[in-house]
Amino acid sequence: MRTVQIKVSETDFQKYDLGSGEIKFTNLVEAIKREYARQALLECNEIAEKVGLSKMTIDEINAEIKSVRDAKTHS
């Protein structure tokens, strides 16, 4: 096994919940994945708000889904 040293600010260490010191590489990868997913979700929410999707009702969403499925079935 090899050791890799990475310097991380105390703020980022706490922000990404990297534990108390040493961290397994797989745990670091998971922390990075979670942060990318969190950022992507925030970006999706911003886009949805800008284009009005965040205001759709469940009935409107279901109608959109049905429309797409019907179009696929009849093409």
C-alpha atoms as a PDB file:
ATOM      1  CA  MET A   1       0.000   0.000   0.000  1.00  0.00           C
ATOM      2  CA  ARG A   2       1.167   3.532  -0.733  1.00  0.00           C
ATOM      3  CA  THR A   3       0.614   6.777   1.130  1.00  0.00           C
ATOM      4  CA  VAL A   4      -0.448  10.035  -0.491  1.00  0.00           C
ATOM      5  CA  GLN A   5      -0.297  13.316   1.369  1.00  0.00           C
ATOM      6  CA  ILE A   6      -2.738  16.066   0.469  1.00  0.00           C
ATOM      7  CA  LYS A   7      -2.828  19.441   2.154  1.00  0.00           C
ATOM      8  CA  VAL A   8      -6.363  20.566   2.946  1.00  0.00           C
ATOM      9  CA  SER A   9      -7.376  23.723   4.767  1.00  0.00           C
ATOM     10  CA  GLU A  10      -9.007  23.264   8.144  1.00  0.00           C
ATOM     11  CA  THR A  11     -12.171  24.841   6.762  1.00  0.00           C
ATOM     12  CA  ASP A  12     -12.396  22.359   3.876  1.00  0.00           C
ATOM     13  CA  PHE A  13     -11.466  19.477   6.176  1.00  0.00           C
ATOM     14  CA  GLN A  14     -14.459  20.254   8.345  1.00  0.00           C
ATOM     15  CA  LYS A  15     -16.730  21.228   5.426  1.00  0.00           C
ATOM     16  CA  TYR A  16     -16.251  17.845   3.738  1.00  0.00           C
ATOM     17  CA  ASP A  17     -16.351  15.932   7.036  1.00  0.00           C
ATOM     18  CA  LEU A  18     -13.012  14.206   6.465  1.00  0.00           C
ATOM     19  CA  GLY A  19     -12.767  12.750   9.949  1.00  0.00           C
ATOM     20  CA  SER A  20     -10.134  13.299  12.583  1.00  0.00           C
ATOM     21  CA  GLY A  21      -6.893  13.004  10.601  1.00  0.00           C
ATOM     22  CA  GLU A  22      -6.068  10.101   8.366  1.00  0.00           C
ATOM     23  CA  ILE A  23      -8.701   9.088   5.882  1.00  0.00           C
ATOM     24  CA  LYS A  24      -8.951   6.130   3.543  1.00  0.00           C
ATOM     25  CA  PHE A  25      -8.696   6.963  -0.151  1.00  0.00           C
ATOM     26  CA  THR A  26     -12.111   5.413  -0.815  1.00  0.00           C
ATOM     27  CA  ASN A  27     -13.639   7.682   1.833  1.00  0.00           C
ATOM     28  CA  LEU A  28     -12.014  10.709   0.203  1.00  0.00           C
ATOM     29  CA  VAL A  29     -13.423   9.677  -3.171  1.00  0.00           C
ATOM     30  CA  GLU A  30     -16.896   9.306  -1.624  1.00  0.00           C
ATOM     31  CA  ALA A  31     -16.638  12.748  -0.002  1.00  0.00           C
ATOM     32  CA  ILE A  32     -15.679  14.277  -3.347  1.00  0.00           C
ATOM     33  CA  LYS A  33     -18.569  12.468  -5.095  1.00  0.00           C
ATOM     34  CA  ARG A  34     -21.024  13.743  -2.495  1.00  0.00           C
ATOM     35  CA  GLU A  35     -19.811  17.311  -2.980  1.00  0.00           C
ATOM     36  CA  TYR A  36     -20.129  17.082  -6.781  1.00  0.00           C
ATOM     37  CA  ALA A  37     -23.627  15.628  -6.389  1.00  0.00           C
ATOM     38  CA  ARG A  38     -24.588  18.392  -3.961  1.00  0.00           C
ATOM     39  CA  GLN A  39     -23.331  21.070  -6.331  1.00  0.00           C
ATOM     40  CA  ALA A  40     -25.131  19.467  -9.285  1.00  0.00           C
ATOM     41  CA  LEU A  41     -28.382  19.350  -7.327  1.00  0.00           C
ATOM     42  CA  LEU A  42     -28.084  23.026  -6.403  1.00  0.00           C
ATOM     43  CA  GLU A  43     -27.402  23.902 -10.041  1.00  0.00           C
ATOM     44  CA  CYS A  44     -30.413  21.852 -11.183  1.00  0.00           C
ATOM     45  CA  ASN A  45     -32.599  23.667  -8.660  1.00  0.00           C
ATOM     46  CA  GLU A  46     -31.376  27.047  -9.913  1.00  0.00           C
ATOM     47  CA  ILE A  47     -32.106  26.086 -13.525  1.00  0.00           C
ATOM     48  CA  ALA A  48     -35.560  24.761 -12.578  1.00  0.00           C
ATOM     49  CA  GLU A  49     -36.373  28.032 -10.866  1.00  0.00           C
ATOM     50  CA  LYS A  50     -35.127  30.119 -13.816  1.00  0.00           C
ATOM     51  CA  VAL A  51     -37.199  28.249 -16.399  1.00  0.00           C
ATOM     52  CA  GLY A  52     -40.280  27.814 -14.212  1.00  0.00           C
ATOM     53  CA  LEU A  53     -40.092  24.056 -13.708  1.00  0.00           C
ATOM     54  CA  SER A  54     -39.974  24.402  -9.941  1.00  0.00           C
ATOM     55  CA  LYS A  55     -43.537  25.751  -9.985  1.00  0.00           C
ATOM     56  CA  MET A  56     -45.041  22.774 -11.820  1.00  0.00           C
ATOM     57  CA  THR A  57     -47.719  20.854  -9.963  1.00  0.00           C
ATOM     58  CA  ILE A  58     -47.594  17.078  -9.660  1.00  0.00           C
ATOM     59  CA  ASP A  59     -50.468  16.883 -12.165  1.00  0.00           C
ATOM     60  CA  GLU A  60     -48.484  18.958 -14.681  1.00  0.00           C
ATOM     61  CA  ILE A  61     -45.426  16.766 -14.179  1.00  0.00           C
ATOM     62  CA  ASN A  62     -47.463  13.600 -14.655  1.00  0.00           C
ATOM     63  CA  ALA A  63     -49.053  15.040 -17.800  1.00  0.00           C
ATOM     64  CA  GLU A  64     -45.594  15.802 -19.236  1.00  0.00           C
ATOM     65  CA  ILE A  65     -44.420  12.266 -18.479  1.00  0.00           C
ATOM     66  CA  LYS A  66     -47.555  10.781 -20.061  1.00  0.00           C
ATOM     67  CA  SER A  67     -47.105  12.956 -23.140  1.00  0.00           C
ATOM     68  CA  VAL A  68     -43.517  11.776 -23.664  1.00  0.00           C
ATOM     69  CA  ARG A  69     -44.450   8.138 -23.109  1.00  0.00           C
ATOM     70  CA  ASP A  70     -47.403   8.414 -25.497  1.00  0.00           C
ATOM     71  CA  ALA A  71     -45.180   9.996 -28.148  1.00  0.00           C
ATOM     72  CA  LYS A  72     -42.686   7.132 -27.845  1.00  0.00           C
ATOM     73  CA  THR A  73     -45.467   4.539 -28.074  1.00  0.00           C
ATOM     74  CA  HIS A  74     -47.006   6.085 -31.209  1.00  0.00           C
ATOM     75  CA  SER A  75     -43.816   6.758 -33.139  1.00  0.00           C
END
